[in-house]
Each structure stands twice: as structure tokens, then as C-alpha cells.
Amino acid sequence: MKYILLIFLLLTSCKENNEAKVVIDRFNNKHKYDRLPEEDSNALYCQIHYEWETIRYYYTKDGIEYWMQTLKYF
């Protein structure tokens, strides 16, 4: 019985699509998130730096530029 429960938990607990989105900031540093920032100011967890970061983006002639700032109180 415990083996059936273990197999069931292993099959149902994993995400099917666990692709991380890589974002490069204005200093050419890589940041990896579960999803892309959709609003002007999002707080997302960076999987490379292991910190919560506020992400802001702005439009330039070269495309979208990202500005990341570490949240100090999390």
C-alpha cells in the first residue's frame, strides 16, 4: 500500500511544464524566473541569485530593457 501511495505522489506532484524564463538585465546579468514579468513592477524569485527581486522594464530603441532590484526585506 505504501508503494502505491509513493508512486501516486511522485506522478502527481511534479509540474508538467517547469521551464524557467531567462531574462538579461541592462548590465548583461542573467536572471531566471518561473515566468516573465508581465506588469511594470513585479516581485519574482530569481533562481540564479536565490533572492526576491523587483523587476521593472522600459522600452528603448533596441527593445525592452529590464531593471532588477533586490528586495532587502524578504
Protein backbone atom coordinates (compact mmCIF):
# COMPACT_ATOMS: atom_id res chain seq x y z
CA MET A 1 0.00 0.00 0.00
CA LYS A 2 2.79 2.46 0.84
CA TYR A 3 4.43 1.81 -2.55
CA ILE A 4 1.22 2.66 -4.36
CA LEU A 5 0.94 5.88 -2.38
CA LEU A 6 4.57 6.75 -3.11
CA ILE A 7 4.13 6.18 -6.85
CA PHE A 8 0.94 8.25 -6.84
CA LEU A 9 2.70 11.15 -5.09
CA LEU A 10 5.64 11.05 -7.46
CA LEU A 11 3.42 11.10 -10.52
CA THR A 12 1.10 13.87 -9.38
CA SER A 13 3.42 16.29 -7.57
CA CYS A 14 5.62 17.37 -10.49
CA LYS A 15 4.82 20.24 -12.78
CA GLU A 16 4.48 19.25 -16.41
CA ASN A 17 6.00 22.46 -17.76
CA ASN A 18 8.82 23.56 -15.49
CA GLU A 19 10.72 25.68 -17.97
CA ALA A 20 12.36 28.71 -16.42
CA LYS A 21 12.42 32.02 -18.26
CA VAL A 22 15.83 33.66 -18.56
CA VAL A 23 15.91 37.47 -18.51
CA ILE A 24 19.04 39.52 -19.16
CA ASP A 25 19.18 42.87 -17.39
CA ARG A 26 20.80 46.10 -18.54
CA PHE A 27 24.19 45.03 -17.13
CA ASN A 28 24.07 41.73 -19.11
CA ASN A 29 23.47 39.66 -15.97
CA LYS A 30 21.25 36.60 -16.30
CA HIS A 31 18.20 36.13 -14.08
CA LYS A 32 15.98 33.05 -14.15
CA TYR A 33 12.30 33.13 -13.17
CA ASP A 34 9.30 30.81 -13.36
CA ARG A 35 7.52 33.33 -15.57
CA LEU A 36 8.28 36.54 -17.39
CA PRO A 37 7.43 39.85 -15.75
CA GLU A 38 4.07 40.94 -17.12
CA GLU A 39 3.44 44.15 -15.23
CA ASP A 40 5.65 47.18 -14.85
CA SER A 41 6.72 46.22 -11.34
CA ASN A 42 6.75 42.57 -10.29
CA ALA A 43 8.44 40.83 -7.39
CA LEU A 44 9.72 37.46 -8.57
CA TYR A 45 12.16 34.95 -7.09
CA CYS A 46 15.44 34.69 -9.02
CA GLN A 47 16.58 31.08 -9.30
CA ILE A 48 20.19 32.06 -10.02
CA HIS A 49 20.73 34.59 -7.22
CA TYR A 50 18.29 32.99 -4.72
CA GLU A 51 16.70 36.36 -3.92
CA TRP A 52 13.40 38.10 -4.41
CA GLU A 53 13.78 40.85 -6.99
CA THR A 54 11.63 43.71 -8.21
CA ILE A 55 11.60 43.79 -11.99
CA ARG A 56 10.84 46.88 -14.00
CA TYR A 57 11.07 47.15 -17.73
CA TYR A 58 11.24 50.05 -20.11
CA TYR A 59 11.25 50.38 -23.86
CA THR A 60 14.30 51.53 -25.80
CA LYS A 61 15.13 51.69 -29.48
CA ASP A 62 16.84 48.28 -29.09
CA GLY A 63 13.79 46.65 -27.47
CA ILE A 64 12.75 46.01 -23.89
CA GLU A 65 15.37 46.60 -21.18
CA TYR A 66 14.95 45.12 -17.71
CA TRP A 67 15.94 46.71 -14.39
CA MET A 68 16.25 44.35 -11.41
CA GLN A 69 16.46 45.44 -7.80
CA THR A 70 16.90 43.06 -4.85
CA LEU A 71 14.24 43.20 -2.17
CA LYS A 72 16.01 43.54 1.15
CA TYR A 73 13.12 42.77 3.49
CA PHE A 74 12.18 39.27 2.36
